[in-house]
């Protein structure tokens, strides 16, 4: 099966040796998104704004792949402070509806660019 590279200007450009997403068959693998504003490539301020920006970025890449957040089957969330997990849940409820994707939440020591939160995921595009 060939792989297709997914890219959109509505999410931050890759800042390393990776693609925003890779599609193989009906599966889309989303790279991690942090709270970078795609227009300025600058980190938004504060945990609340970063969580929103992360989900906006994931949404943009999902849509560029031909899908939507409803197609996300697995989501991984990385936080530098697990005390912010409730904020992730509150914000996630604005972007996802039941049935929710499978999810993991992991506390980490640090993230790229000093981010406070990062998320990646997997979509399955069903027609």
PDB file of N, CA and C in Angstrom:
ATOM      1  N   UNK A   1       0.834  -1.178   0.000  1.00  0.00           N
ATOM      2  CA  UNK A   1       0.000   0.000   0.000  1.00  0.00           C
ATOM      3  C   UNK A   1       0.885   1.250   0.000  1.00  0.00           C
ATOM      4  N   UNK A   2       0.598   2.190  -0.879  1.00  0.00           N
ATOM      5  CA  UNK A   2       1.390   3.422  -0.875  1.00  0.00           C
ATOM      6  C   UNK A   2       1.035   4.303   0.318  1.00  0.00           C
ATOM      7  N   UNK A   3       1.972   5.123   0.708  1.00  0.00           N
ATOM      8  CA  UNK A   3       1.681   6.077   1.767  1.00  0.00           C
ATOM      9  C   UNK A   3       1.573   7.472   1.166  1.00  0.00           C
ATOM     10  N   UNK A   4       0.687   8.253   1.740  1.00  0.00           N
ATOM     11  CA  UNK A   4       0.445   9.623   1.297  1.00  0.00           C
ATOM     12  C   UNK A   4       0.796  10.554   2.436  1.00  0.00           C
ATOM     13  N   UNK A   5       1.580  11.568   2.140  1.00  0.00           N
ATOM     14  CA  UNK A   5       1.949  12.565   3.141  1.00  0.00           C
ATOM     15  C   UNK A   5       0.856  13.628   3.188  1.00  0.00           C
ATOM     16  N   UNK A   6       0.393  13.918   4.386  1.00  0.00           N
ATOM     17  CA  UNK A   6      -0.658  14.920   4.602  1.00  0.00           C
ATOM     18  C   UNK A   6      -0.005  16.196   5.121  1.00  0.00           C
ATOM     19  N   UNK A   7      -0.385  17.320   4.526  1.00  0.00           N
ATOM     20  CA  UNK A   7       0.162  18.602   4.946  1.00  0.00           C
ATOM     21  C   UNK A   7      -0.893  19.688   4.765  1.00  0.00           C
ATOM     22  N   UNK A   8      -0.944  20.600   5.714  1.00  0.00           N
ATOM     23  CA  UNK A   8      -1.871  21.731   5.624  1.00  0.00           C
ATOM     24  C   UNK A   8      -1.233  22.964   6.250  1.00  0.00           C
ATOM     25  N   UNK A   9      -1.455  24.130   5.659  1.00  0.00           N
ATOM     26  CA  UNK A   9      -0.972  25.371   6.269  1.00  0.00           C
ATOM     27  C   UNK A   9      -1.804  25.788   7.489  1.00  0.00           C
ATOM     28  N   UNK A  10      -2.913  25.076   7.741  1.00  0.00           N
ATOM     29  CA  UNK A  10      -3.769  25.396   8.880  1.00  0.00           C
ATOM     30  C   UNK A  10      -3.271  24.786  10.184  1.00  0.00           C
ATOM     31  N   UNK A  11      -2.164  24.047  10.099  1.00  0.00           N
ATOM     32  CA  UNK A  11      -1.476  23.517  11.280  1.00  0.00           C
ATOM     33  C   UNK A  11      -0.010  23.886  11.135  1.00  0.00           C
ATOM     34  N   UNK A  12       0.731  23.915  12.240  1.00  0.00           N
ATOM     35  CA  UNK A  12       2.145  24.312  12.153  1.00  0.00           C
ATOM     36  C   UNK A  12       2.933  23.413  11.211  1.00  0.00           C
ATOM     37  N   UNK A  13       3.827  24.033  10.467  1.00  0.00           N
ATOM     38  CA  UNK A  13       4.739  23.276   9.613  1.00  0.00           C
ATOM     39  C   UNK A  13       5.618  22.404  10.498  1.00  0.00           C
ATOM     40  N   UNK A  14       6.039  21.276   9.969  1.00  0.00           N
ATOM     41  CA  UNK A  14       6.920  20.388  10.726  1.00  0.00           C
ATOM     42  C   UNK A  14       8.193  21.137  11.111  1.00  0.00           C
ATOM     43  N   UNK A  15       8.624  20.951  12.359  1.00  0.00           N
ATOM     44  CA  UNK A  15       9.843  21.616  12.828  1.00  0.00           C
ATOM     45  C   UNK A  15      10.976  20.612  12.984  1.00  0.00           C
ATOM     46  N   UNK A  16      10.863  19.505  12.276  1.00  0.00           N
ATOM     47  CA  UNK A  16      11.880  18.466  12.335  1.00  0.00           C
ATOM     48  C   UNK A  16      11.712  17.517  11.172  1.00  0.00           C
ATOM     49  N   UNK A  17      12.277  16.357  11.322  1.00  0.00           N
ATOM     50  CA  UNK A  17      12.262  15.359  10.253  1.00  0.00           C
ATOM     51  C   UNK A  17      11.031  14.468  10.367  1.00  0.00           C
ATOM     52  N   UNK A  18       9.866  15.064  10.132  1.00  0.00           N
ATOM     53  CA  UNK A  18       8.608  14.329  10.185  1.00  0.00           C
ATOM     54  C   UNK A  18       7.578  15.042   9.320  1.00  0.00           C
ATOM     55  N   UNK A  19       6.482  14.376   9.060  1.00  0.00           N
ATOM     56  CA  UNK A  19       5.347  14.939   8.328  1.00  0.00           C
ATOM     57  C   UNK A  19       4.223  15.212   9.317  1.00  0.00           C
ATOM     58  N   UNK A  20       3.323  16.125   8.964  1.00  0.00           N
ATOM     59  CA  UNK A  20       2.179  16.388   9.837  1.00  0.00           C
ATOM     60  C   UNK A  20       1.345  15.123  10.032  1.00  0.00           C
ATOM     61  N   UNK A  21       1.219  14.337   8.984  1.00  0.00           N
ATOM     62  CA  UNK A  21       0.503  13.062   9.068  1.00  0.00           C
ATOM     63  C   UNK A  21       0.899  12.213   7.877  1.00  0.00           C
ATOM     64  N   UNK A  22       0.696  10.905   8.033  1.00  0.00           N
ATOM     65  CA  UNK A  22       0.941   9.951   6.952  1.00  0.00           C
ATOM     66  C   UNK A  22      -0.286   9.054   6.853  1.00  0.00           C
ATOM     67  N   UNK A  23      -0.802   8.930   5.628  1.00  0.00           N
ATOM     68  CA  UNK A  23      -1.974   8.090   5.380  1.00  0.00           C
ATOM     69  C   UNK A  23      -1.534   6.827   4.657  1.00  0.00           C
ATOM     70  N   UNK A  24      -1.958   5.684   5.177  1.00  0.00           N
ATOM     71  CA  UNK A  24      -1.713   4.392   4.545  1.00  0.00           C
ATOM     72  C   UNK A  24      -3.054   3.675   4.508  1.00  0.00           C
ATOM     73  N   UNK A  25      -3.564   3.449   3.320  1.00  0.00           N
ATOM     74  CA  UNK A  25      -4.894   2.863   3.199  1.00  0.00           C
ATOM     75  C   UNK A  25      -5.916   3.792   3.820  1.00  0.00           C
ATOM     76  N   UNK A  26      -6.720   3.270   4.734  1.00  0.00           N
ATOM     77  CA  UNK A  26      -7.744   4.069   5.412  1.00  0.00           C
ATOM     78  C   UNK A  26      -7.288   4.586   6.769  1.00  0.00           C
ATOM     79  N   UNK A  27      -6.002   4.408   7.074  1.00  0.00           N
ATOM     80  CA  UNK A  27      -5.480   4.808   8.378  1.00  0.00           C
ATOM     81  C   UNK A  27      -4.585   6.036   8.228  1.00  0.00           C
ATOM     82  N   UNK A  28      -4.785   6.996   9.110  1.00  0.00           N
ATOM     83  CA  UNK A  28      -3.982   8.220   9.119  1.00  0.00           C
ATOM     84  C   UNK A  28      -3.281   8.312  10.464  1.00  0.00           C
ATOM     85  N   UNK A  29      -1.967   8.455  10.424  1.00  0.00           N
ATOM     86  CA  UNK A  29      -1.150   8.590  11.629  1.00  0.00           C
ATOM     87  C   UNK A  29      -0.781  10.057  11.790  1.00  0.00           C
ATOM     88  N   UNK A  30      -1.311  10.691  12.838  1.00  0.00           N
ATOM     89  CA  UNK A  30      -1.073  12.109  13.087  1.00  0.00           C
ATOM     90  C   UNK A  30       0.173  12.295  13.944  1.00  0.00           C
ATOM     91  N   UNK A  31       1.072  13.128  13.496  1.00  0.00           N
ATOM     92  CA  UNK A  31       2.233  13.478  14.314  1.00  0.00           C
ATOM     93  C   UNK A  31       1.790  14.315  15.497  1.00  0.00           C
ATOM     94  N   UNK A  32       2.642  14.386  16.496  1.00  0.00           N
ATOM     95  CA  UNK A  32       2.334  15.184  17.674  1.00  0.00           C
ATOM     96  C   UNK A  32       2.163  16.647  17.334  1.00  0.00           C
ATOM     97  N   UNK A  33       1.184  17.256  17.966  1.00  0.00           N
ATOM     98  CA  UNK A  33       0.934  18.684  17.811  1.00  0.00           C
ATOM     99  C   UNK A  33       1.094  19.348  19.166  1.00  0.00           C
ATOM    100  N   UNK A  34       1.815  20.465  19.158  1.00  0.00           N
ATOM    101  CA  UNK A  34       1.957  21.293  20.351  1.00  0.00           C
ATOM    102  C   UNK A  34       1.221  22.604  20.095  1.00  0.00           C
ATOM    103  N   UNK A  35       1.248  23.506  21.034  1.00  0.00           N
ATOM    104  CA  UNK A  35       0.471  24.736  20.949  1.00  0.00           C
ATOM    105  C   UNK A  35       1.071  25.825  20.091  1.00  0.00           C
ATOM    106  N   UNK A  36       1.616  25.456  18.944  1.00  0.00           N
ATOM    107  CA  UNK A  36       2.146  26.463  18.025  1.00  0.00           C
ATOM    108  C   UNK A  36       1.035  27.028  17.165  1.00  0.00           C
ATOM    109  N   UNK A  37       1.013  28.343  17.032  1.00  0.00           N
ATOM    110  CA  UNK A  37       0.099  29.008  16.123  1.00  0.00           C
ATOM    111  C   UNK A  37       0.664  28.810  14.712  1.00  0.00           C
ATOM    112  N   UNK A  38      -0.104  28.232  13.789  1.00  0.00           N
ATOM    113  CA  UNK A  38       0.452  27.969  12.465  1.00  0.00           C
ATOM    114  C   UNK A  38       0.804  29.230  11.682  1.00  0.00           C
ATOM    115  N   UNK A  39       0.161  30.342  11.971  1.00  0.00           N
ATOM    116  CA  UNK A  39       0.441  31.592  11.253  1.00  0.00           C
ATOM    117  C   UNK A  39       1.768  32.203  11.670  1.00  0.00           C
ATOM    118  N   UNK A  40       2.100  32.092  12.958  1.00  0.00           N
ATOM    119  CA  UNK A  40       3.311  32.746  13.467  1.00  0.00           C
ATOM    120  C   UNK A  40       4.410  31.767  13.846  1.00  0.00           C
ATOM    121  N   UNK A  41       4.047  30.484  13.988  1.00  0.00           N
ATOM    122  CA  UNK A  41       4.966  29.441  14.466  1.00  0.00           C
ATOM    123  C   UNK A  41       5.500  29.764  15.859  1.00  0.00           C
ATOM    124  N   UNK A  42       4.707  30.536  16.629  1.00  0.00           N
ATOM    125  CA  UNK A  42       5.044  30.854  18.005  1.00  0.00           C
ATOM    126  C   UNK A  42       4.090  30.100  18.935  1.00  0.00           C
ATOM    127  N   UNK A  43       4.607  29.750  20.121  1.00  0.00           N
ATOM    128  CA  UNK A  43       3.796  29.062  21.118  1.00  0.00           C
ATOM    129  C   UNK A  43       2.772  30.030  21.689  1.00  0.00           C
ATOM    130  N   UNK A  44       1.520  29.586  21.787  1.00  0.00           N
ATOM    131  CA  UNK A  44       0.508  30.411  22.441  1.00  0.00           C
ATOM    132  C   UNK A  44       0.762  30.376  23.946  1.00  0.00           C
ATOM    133  N   UNK A  45       0.261  31.372  24.647  1.00  0.00           N
ATOM    134  CA  UNK A  45       0.559  31.518  26.069  1.00  0.00           C
ATOM    135  C   UNK A  45      -0.419  30.758  26.960  1.00  0.00           C
ATOM    136  N   UNK A  46       0.121  30.018  27.914  1.00  0.00           N
ATOM    137  CA  UNK A  46      -0.683  29.396  28.955  1.00  0.00           C
ATOM    138  C   UNK A  46      -1.245  28.041  28.569  1.00  0.00           C
ATOM    139  N   UNK A  47      -1.529  27.253  29.570  1.00  0.00           N
ATOM    140  CA  UNK A  47      -1.992  25.886  29.357  1.00  0.00           C
ATOM    141  C   UNK A  47      -3.346  25.844  28.660  1.00  0.00           C
ATOM    142  N   UNK A  48      -4.287  26.707  29.035  1.00  0.00           N
ATOM    143  CA  UNK A  48      -5.612  26.677  28.420  1.00  0.00           C
ATOM    144  C   UNK A  48      -5.521  26.957  26.919  1.00  0.00           C
ATOM    145  N   UNK A  49      -4.789  27.985  26.538  1.00  0.00           N
ATOM    146  CA  UNK A  49      -4.634  28.330  25.118  1.00  0.00           C
ATOM    147  C   UNK A  49      -3.870  27.240  24.373  1.00  0.00           C
ATOM    148  N   UNK A  50      -2.886  26.631  25.032  1.00  0.00           N
ATOM    149  CA  UNK A  50      -2.129  25.566  24.372  1.00  0.00           C
ATOM    150  C   UNK A  50      -2.998  24.341  24.115  1.00  0.00           C
ATOM    151  N   UNK A  51      -3.855  23.986  25.058  1.00  0.00           N
ATOM    152  CA  UNK A  51      -4.731  22.824  24.854  1.00  0.00           C
ATOM    153  C   UNK A  51      -5.659  23.074  23.662  1.00  0.00           C
ATOM    154  N   UNK A  52      -6.254  24.252  23.602  1.00  0.00           N
ATOM    155  CA  UNK A  52      -7.139  24.601  22.487  1.00  0.00           C
ATOM    156  C   UNK A  52      -6.362  24.550  21.171  1.00  0.00           C
ATOM    157  N   UNK A  53      -5.175  25.128  21.152  1.00  0.00           N
ATOM    158  CA  UNK A  53      -4.378  25.169  19.925  1.00  0.00           C
ATOM    159  C   UNK A  53      -3.995  23.763  19.478  1.00  0.00           C
ATOM    160  N   UNK A  54      -3.649  22.894  20.431  1.00  0.00           N
ATOM    161  CA  UNK A  54      -3.309  21.509  20.091  1.00  0.00           C
ATOM    162  C   UNK A  54      -4.481  20.846  19.382  1.00  0.00           C
ATOM    163  N   UNK A  55      -5.688  20.969  19.938  1.00  0.00           N
ATOM    164  CA  UNK A  55      -6.850  20.327  19.320  1.00  0.00           C
ATOM    165  C   UNK A  55      -7.228  21.002  18.002  1.00  0.00           C
ATOM    166  N   UNK A  56      -7.048  22.325  17.889  1.00  0.00           N
ATOM    167  CA  UNK A  56      -7.271  22.992  16.604  1.00  0.00           C
ATOM    168  C   UNK A  56      -6.301  22.460  15.553  1.00  0.00           C
ATOM    169  N   UNK A  57      -5.040  22.278  15.943  1.00  0.00           N
ATOM    170  CA  UNK A  57      -4.036  21.769  15.010  1.00  0.00           C
ATOM    171  C   UNK A  57      -4.353  20.344  14.575  1.00  0.00           C
ATOM    172  N   UNK A  58      -4.730  19.492  15.524  1.00  0.00           N
ATOM    173  CA  UNK A  58      -5.089  18.116  15.200  1.00  0.00           C
ATOM    174  C   UNK A  58      -6.306  18.096  14.269  1.00  0.00           C
ATOM    175  N   UNK A  59      -7.279  18.931  14.557  1.00  0.00           N
ATOM    176  CA  UNK A  59      -8.478  19.018  13.715  1.00  0.00           C
ATOM    177  C   UNK A  59      -8.104  19.409  12.286  1.00  0.00           C
ATOM    178  N   UNK A  60      -7.225  20.388  12.129  1.00  0.00           N
ATOM    179  CA  UNK A  60      -6.816  20.847  10.800  1.00  0.00           C
ATOM    180  C   UNK A  60      -6.136  19.729  10.014  1.00  0.00           C
ATOM    181  N   UNK A  61      -5.268  18.974  10.656  1.00  0.00           N
ATOM    182  CA  UNK A  61      -4.568  17.893   9.966  1.00  0.00           C
ATOM    183  C   UNK A  61      -5.545  16.757   9.646  1.00  0.00           C
ATOM    184  N   UNK A  62      -6.438  16.450  10.578  1.00  0.00           N
ATOM    185  CA  UNK A  62      -7.447  15.412  10.321  1.00  0.00           C
ATOM    186  C   UNK A  62      -8.282  15.783   9.099  1.00  0.00           C
ATOM    187  N   UNK A  63      -8.711  17.038   9.021  1.00  0.00           N
ATOM    188  CA  UNK A  63      -9.519  17.486   7.894  1.00  0.00           C
ATOM    189  C   UNK A  63      -8.724  17.484   6.598  1.00  0.00           C
ATOM    190  N   UNK A  64      -7.439  17.823   6.664  1.00  0.00           N
ATOM    191  CA  UNK A  64      -6.587  17.790   5.470  1.00  0.00           C
ATOM    192  C   UNK A  64      -6.421  16.363   4.945  1.00  0.00           C
ATOM    193  N   UNK A  65      -6.594  15.387   5.823  1.00  0.00           N
ATOM    194  CA  UNK A  65      -6.464  13.986   5.407  1.00  0.00           C
ATOM    195  C   UNK A  65      -7.748  13.462   4.773  1.00  0.00           C
ATOM    196  N   UNK A  66      -8.807  14.262   4.805  1.00  0.00           N
ATOM    197  CA  UNK A  66     -10.092  13.832   4.288  1.00  0.00           C
ATOM    198  C   UNK A  66     -11.023  13.318   5.364  1.00  0.00           C
ATOM    199  N   UNK A  67     -10.617  13.479   6.615  1.00  0.00           N
ATOM    200  CA  UNK A  67     -11.413  12.996   7.732  1.00  0.00           C
ATOM    201  C   UNK A  67     -11.835  14.123   8.643  1.00  0.00           C
ATOM    202  N   UNK A  68     -12.121  13.747   9.878  1.00  0.00           N
ATOM    203  CA  UNK A  68     -12.511  14.717  10.894  1.00  0.00           C
ATOM    204  C   UNK A  68     -12.132  14.150  12.257  1.00  0.00           C
ATOM    205  N   UNK A  69     -12.365  14.915  13.293  1.00  0.00           N
ATOM    206  CA  UNK A  69     -12.079  14.419  14.641  1.00  0.00           C
ATOM    207  C   UNK A  69     -12.954  13.213  14.987  1.00  0.00           C
ATOM    208  N   UNK A  70     -14.087  13.070  14.338  1.00  0.00           N
ATOM    209  CA  UNK A  70     -14.948  11.910  14.574  1.00  0.00           C
ATOM    210  C   UNK A  70     -14.283  10.608  14.112  1.00  0.00           C
ATOM    211  N   UNK A  71     -13.272  10.715  13.269  1.00  0.00           N
ATOM    212  CA  UNK A  71     -12.561   9.540  12.760  1.00  0.00           C
ATOM    213  C   UNK A  71     -11.380   9.128  13.638  1.00  0.00           C
ATOM    214  N   UNK A  72     -11.081   9.913  14.677  1.00  0.00           N
ATOM    215  CA  UNK A  72      -9.959   9.577  15.565  1.00  0.00           C
ATOM    216  C   UNK A  72     -10.336   8.347  16.385  1.00  0.00           C
ATOM    217  N   UNK A  73      -9.477   7.312  16.321  1.00  0.00           N
ATOM    218  CA  UNK A  73      -9.723   6.098  17.099  1.00  0.00           C
ATOM    219  C   UNK A  73      -8.787   5.987  18.296  1.00  0.00           C
ATOM    220  N   UNK A  74      -7.657   6.702  18.242  1.00  0.00           N
ATOM    221  CA  UNK A  74      -6.679   6.650  19.342  1.00  0.00           C
ATOM    222  C   UNK A  74      -6.035   8.013  19.472  1.00  0.00           C
ATOM    223  N   UNK A  75      -5.961   8.490  20.701  1.00  0.00           N
ATOM    224  CA  UNK A  75      -5.362   9.787  20.992  1.00  0.00           C
ATOM    225  C   UNK A  75      -4.387   9.605  22.142  1.00  0.00           C
ATOM    226  N   UNK A  76      -3.217  10.184  22.003  1.00  0.00           N
ATOM    227  CA  UNK A  76      -2.217  10.189  23.074  1.00  0.00           C
ATOM    228  C   UNK A  76      -1.987  11.632  23.488  1.00  0.00           C
ATOM    229  N   UNK A  77      -2.057  11.893  24.779  1.00  0.00           N
ATOM    230  CA  UNK A  77      -1.856  13.238  25.308  1.00  0.00           C
ATOM    231  C   UNK A  77      -0.667  13.202  26.257  1.00  0.00           C
ATOM    232  N   UNK A  78       0.244  14.145  26.079  1.00  0.00           N
ATOM    233  CA  UNK A  78       1.439  14.250  26.910  1.00  0.00           C
ATOM    234  C   UNK A  78       1.400  15.589  27.630  1.00  0.00           C
ATOM    235  N   UNK A  79       1.552  15.556  28.946  1.00  0.00           N
ATOM    236  CA  UNK A  79       1.469  16.767  29.771  1.00  0.00           C
ATOM    237  C   UNK A  79       2.712  16.887  30.646  1.00  0.00           C
ATOM    238  N   UNK A  80       3.233  18.100  30.761  1.00  0.00           N
ATOM    239  CA  UNK A  80       4.349  18.315  31.677  1.00  0.00           C
ATOM    240  C   UNK A  80       3.864  18.412  33.118  1.00  0.00           C
ATOM    241  N   UNK A  81       2.559  18.581  33.311  1.00  0.00           N
ATOM    242  CA  UNK A  81       1.956  18.609  34.643  1.00  0.00           C
ATOM    243  C   UNK A  81       0.615  17.889  34.568  1.00  0.00           C
ATOM    244  N   UNK A  82       0.551  16.682  35.116  1.00  0.00           N
ATOM    245  CA  UNK A  82      -0.692  15.914  35.065  1.00  0.00           C
ATOM    246  C   UNK A  82      -1.820  16.584  35.849  1.00  0.00           C
ATOM    247  N   UNK A  83      -1.497  17.606  36.614  1.00  0.00           N
ATOM    248  CA  UNK A  83      -2.518  18.397  37.283  1.00  0.00           C
ATOM    249  C   UNK A  83      -3.418  19.121  36.289  1.00  0.00           C
ATOM    250  N   UNK A  84      -2.969  19.235  35.040  1.00  0.00           N
ATOM    251  CA  UNK A  84      -3.761  19.885  33.997  1.00  0.00           C
ATOM    252  C   UNK A  84      -4.654  18.913  33.230  1.00  0.00           C
ATOM    253  N   UNK A  85      -4.694  17.658  33.671  1.00  0.00           N
ATOM    254  CA  UNK A  85      -5.465  16.651  32.960  1.00  0.00           C
ATOM    255  C   UNK A  85      -6.954  16.988  32.905  1.00  0.00           C
ATOM    256  N   UNK A  86      -7.503  17.537  33.978  1.00  0.00           N
ATOM    257  CA  UNK A  86      -8.925  17.914  33.988  1.00  0.00           C
ATOM    258  C   UNK A  86      -9.205  18.983  32.929  1.00  0.00           C
ATOM    259  N   UNK A  87      -8.263  19.893  32.724  1.00  0.00           N
ATOM    260  CA  UNK A  87      -8.429  20.924  31.691  1.00  0.00           C
ATOM    261  C   UNK A  87      -8.450  20.296  30.302  1.00  0.00           C
ATOM    262  N   UNK A  88      -7.619  19.274  30.099  1.00  0.00           N
ATOM    263  CA  UNK A  88      -7.624  18.567  28.820  1.00  0.00           C
ATOM    264  C   UNK A  88      -8.995  17.933  28.603  1.00  0.00           C
ATOM    265  N   UNK A  89      -9.537  17.279  29.625  1.00  0.00           N
ATOM    266  CA  UNK A  89     -10.853  16.650  29.516  1.00  0.00           C
ATOM    267  C   UNK A  89     -11.932  17.669  29.171  1.00  0.00           C
ATOM    268  N   UNK A  90     -11.916  18.814  29.849  1.00  0.00           N
ATOM    269  CA  UNK A  90     -12.918  19.849  29.594  1.00  0.00           C
ATOM    270  C   UNK A  90     -12.845  20.333  28.152  1.00  0.00           C
ATOM    271  N   UNK A  91     -11.640  20.597  27.679  1.00  0.00           N
ATOM    272  CA  UNK A  91     -11.470  21.097  26.315  1.00  0.00           C
ATOM    273  C   UNK A  91     -11.776  20.010  25.299  1.00  0.00           C
ATOM    274  N   UNK A  92     -11.341  18.796  25.583  1.00  0.00           N
ATOM    275  CA  UNK A  92     -11.578  17.684  24.661  1.00  0.00           C
ATOM    276  C   UNK A  92     -13.077  17.484  24.420  1.00  0.00           C
ATOM    277  N   UNK A  93     -13.879  17.727  25.430  1.00  0.00           N
ATOM    278  CA  UNK A  93     -15.331  17.577  25.305  1.00  0.00           C
ATOM    279  C   UNK A  93     -15.923  18.572  24.306  1.00  0.00           C
ATOM    280  N   UNK A  94     -15.209  19.657  24.024  1.00  0.00           N
ATOM    281  CA  UNK A  94     -15.670  20.636  23.037  1.00  0.00           C
ATOM    282  C   UNK A  94     -15.325  20.201  21.610  1.00  0.00           C
ATOM    283  N   UNK A  95     -14.410  19.253  21.468  1.00  0.00           N
ATOM    284  CA  UNK A  95     -13.936  18.819  20.155  1.00  0.00           C
ATOM    285  C   UNK A  95     -14.416  17.424  19.768  1.00  0.00           C
ATOM    286  N   UNK A  96     -14.695  16.577  20.749  1.00  0.00           N
ATOM    287  CA  UNK A  96     -15.058  15.185  20.495  1.00  0.00           C
ATOM    288  C   UNK A  96     -16.414  14.893  21.114  1.00  0.00           C
ATOM    289  N   UNK A  97     -17.142  13.981  20.492  1.00  0.00           N
ATOM    290  CA  UNK A  97     -18.402  13.520  21.066  1.00  0.00           C
ATOM    291  C   UNK A  97     -18.376  11.999  21.128  1.00  0.00           C
ATOM    292  N   UNK A  98     -19.296  11.447  21.872  1.00  0.00           N
ATOM    293  CA  UNK A  98     -19.345   9.992  22.017  1.00  0.00           C
ATOM    294  C   UNK A  98     -19.693   9.333  20.693  1.00  0.00           C
ATOM    295  N   UNK A  99     -19.145   8.193  20.398  1.00  0.00           N
ATOM    296  CA  UNK A  99     -18.189   7.453  21.226  1.00  0.00           C
ATOM    297  C   UNK A  99     -16.798   8.076  21.116  1.00  0.00           C
ATOM    298  N   UNK A 100     -16.172   8.302  22.259  1.00  0.00           N
ATOM    299  CA  UNK A 100     -14.862   8.937  22.305  1.00  0.00           C
ATOM    300  C   UNK A 100     -13.780   7.977  21.820  1.00  0.00           C
ATOM    301  N   UNK A 101     -12.667   8.542  21.331  1.00  0.00           N
ATOM    302  CA  UNK A 101     -11.561   7.669  20.943  1.00  0.00           C
ATOM    303  C   UNK A 101     -10.894   7.053  22.169  1.00  0.00           C
ATOM    304  N   UNK A 102     -10.173   5.977  21.955  1.00  0.00           N
ATOM    305  CA  UNK A 102      -9.308   5.456  23.005  1.00  0.00           C
ATOM    306  C   UNK A 102      -8.254   6.533  23.275  1.00  0.00           C
ATOM    307  N   UNK A 103      -7.758   6.596  24.524  1.00  0.00           N
ATOM    308  CA  UNK A 103      -6.820   7.673  24.850  1.00  0.00           C
ATOM    309  C   UNK A 103      -5.852   7.231  25.928  1.00  0.00           C
ATOM    310  N   UNK A 104      -4.666   7.789  25.844  1.00  0.00           N
ATOM    311  CA  UNK A 104      -3.689   7.653  26.919  1.00  0.00           C
ATOM    312  C   UNK A 104      -3.276   9.064  27.318  1.00  0.00           C
ATOM    313  N   UNK A 105      -2.972   9.253  28.588  1.00  0.00           N
ATOM    314  CA  UNK A 105      -2.443  10.524  29.083  1.00  0.00           C
ATOM    315  C   UNK A 105      -1.170  10.198  29.851  1.00  0.00           C
ATOM    316  N   UNK A 106      -0.098  10.870  29.478  1.00  0.00           N
ATOM    317  CA  UNK A 106       1.212  10.551  30.027  1.00  0.00           C
ATOM    318  C   UNK A 106       1.866  11.821  30.555  1.00  0.00           C
ATOM    319  N   UNK A 107       2.408  11.753  31.754  1.00  0.00           N
ATOM    320  CA  UNK A 107       3.182  12.858  32.304  1.00  0.00           C
ATOM    321  C   UNK A 107       4.615  12.751  31.809  1.00  0.00           C
ATOM    322  N   UNK A 108       5.144  13.865  31.328  1.00  0.00           N
ATOM    323  CA  UNK A 108       6.503  13.894  30.787  1.00  0.00           C
ATOM    324  C   UNK A 108       7.292  15.034  31.422  1.00  0.00           C
ATOM    325  N   UNK A 109       8.608  14.914  31.379  1.00  0.00           N
ATOM    326  CA  UNK A 109       9.475  15.939  31.977  1.00  0.00           C
ATOM    327  C   UNK A 109       9.498  17.217  31.154  1.00  0.00           C
ATOM    328  N   UNK A 110       9.484  17.077  29.829  1.00  0.00           N
ATOM    329  CA  UNK A 110       9.517  18.263  28.976  1.00  0.00           C
ATOM    330  C   UNK A 110       9.016  17.902  27.586  1.00  0.00           C
ATOM    331  N   UNK A 111       8.660  18.941  26.832  1.00  0.00           N
ATOM    332  CA  UNK A 111       8.170  18.790  25.468  1.00  0.00           C
ATOM    333  C   UNK A 111       8.883  19.798  24.569  1.00  0.00           C
ATOM    334  N   UNK A 112       8.851  19.607  23.249  1.00  0.00           N
ATOM    335  CA  UNK A 112       9.519  20.537  22.340  1.00  0.00           C
ATOM    336  C   UNK A 112       9.042  21.977  22.531  1.00  0.00           C
ATOM    337  N   UNK A 113       9.961  22.899  22.351  1.00  0.00           N
ATOM    338  CA  UNK A 113       9.675  24.333  22.409  1.00  0.00           C
ATOM    339  C   UNK A 113       9.089  24.791  23.736  1.00  0.00           C
ATOM    340  N   UNK A 114       9.281  24.008  24.793  1.00  0.00           N
ATOM    341  CA  UNK A 114       8.750  24.384  26.098  1.00  0.00           C
ATOM    342  C   UNK A 114       7.248  24.219  26.211  1.00  0.00           C
ATOM    343  N   UNK A 115       6.660  23.442  25.308  1.00  0.00           N
ATOM    344  CA  UNK A 115       5.212  23.217  25.335  1.00  0.00           C
ATOM    345  C   UNK A 115       4.801  22.572  26.653  1.00  0.00           C
ATOM    346  N   UNK A 116       3.564  22.829  27.051  1.00  0.00           N
ATOM    347  CA  UNK A 116       2.996  22.251  28.264  1.00  0.00           C
ATOM    348  C   UNK A 116       2.155  21.016  27.965  1.00  0.00           C
ATOM    349  N   UNK A 117       1.744  20.871  26.687  1.00  0.00           N
ATOM    350  CA  UNK A 117       0.892  19.756  26.269  1.00  0.00           C
ATOM    351  C   UNK A 117       1.200  19.420  24.818  1.00  0.00           C
ATOM    352  N   UNK A 118       1.092  18.144  24.497  1.00  0.00           N
ATOM    353  CA  UNK A 118       1.237  17.661  23.125  1.00  0.00           C
ATOM    354  C   UNK A 118       0.250  16.516  22.952  1.00  0.00           C
ATOM    355  N   UNK A 119      -0.246  16.338  21.736  1.00  0.00           N
ATOM    356  CA  UNK A 119      -1.131  15.210  21.453  1.00  0.00           C
ATOM    357  C   UNK A 119      -0.861  14.702  20.045  1.00  0.00           C
ATOM    358  N   UNK A 120      -0.995  13.397  19.881  1.00  0.00           N
ATOM    359  CA  UNK A 120      -0.946  12.775  18.576  1.00  0.00           C
ATOM    360  C   UNK A 120      -2.095  11.787  18.485  1.00  0.00           C
ATOM    361  N   UNK A 121      -2.292  11.200  17.339  1.00  0.00           N
ATOM    362  CA  UNK A 121      -3.410  10.275  17.229  1.00  0.00           C
ATOM    363  C   UNK A 121      -3.404   9.464  15.959  1.00  0.00           C
ATOM    364  N   UNK A 122      -4.403   8.601  15.872  1.00  0.00           N
ATOM    365  CA  UNK A 122      -4.613   7.751  14.715  1.00  0.00           C
ATOM    366  C   UNK A 122      -6.071   7.881  14.300  1.00  0.00           C
ATOM    367  N   UNK A 123      -6.294   8.066  12.997  1.00  0.00           N
ATOM    368  CA  UNK A 123      -7.640   8.126  12.422  1.00  0.00           C
ATOM    369  C   UNK A 123      -7.846   6.903  11.556  1.00  0.00           C
ATOM    370  N   UNK A 124      -9.078   6.450  11.479  1.00  0.00           N
ATOM    371  CA  UNK A 124      -9.467   5.441  10.507  1.00  0.00           C
ATOM    372  C   UNK A 124     -10.613   6.054   9.705  1.00  0.00           C
ATOM    373  N   UNK A 125     -10.366   6.196   8.410  1.00  0.00           N
ATOM    374  CA  UNK A 125     -11.343   6.830   7.531  1.00  0.00           C
ATOM    375  C   UNK A 125     -12.267   5.765   6.957  1.00  0.00           C
ATOM    376  N   UNK A 126     -13.501   5.775   7.398  1.00  0.00           N
ATOM    377  CA  UNK A 126     -14.485   4.815   6.907  1.00  0.00           C
ATOM    378  C   UNK A 126     -15.434   5.536   5.963  1.00  0.00           C
ATOM    379  N   UNK A 127     -15.694   4.932   4.869  1.00  0.00           N
ATOM    380  CA  UNK A 127     -16.554   5.587   3.883  1.00  0.00           C
ATOM    381  C   UNK A 127     -17.939   5.017   3.896  1.00  0.00           C
TER     382      UNK A 127
END
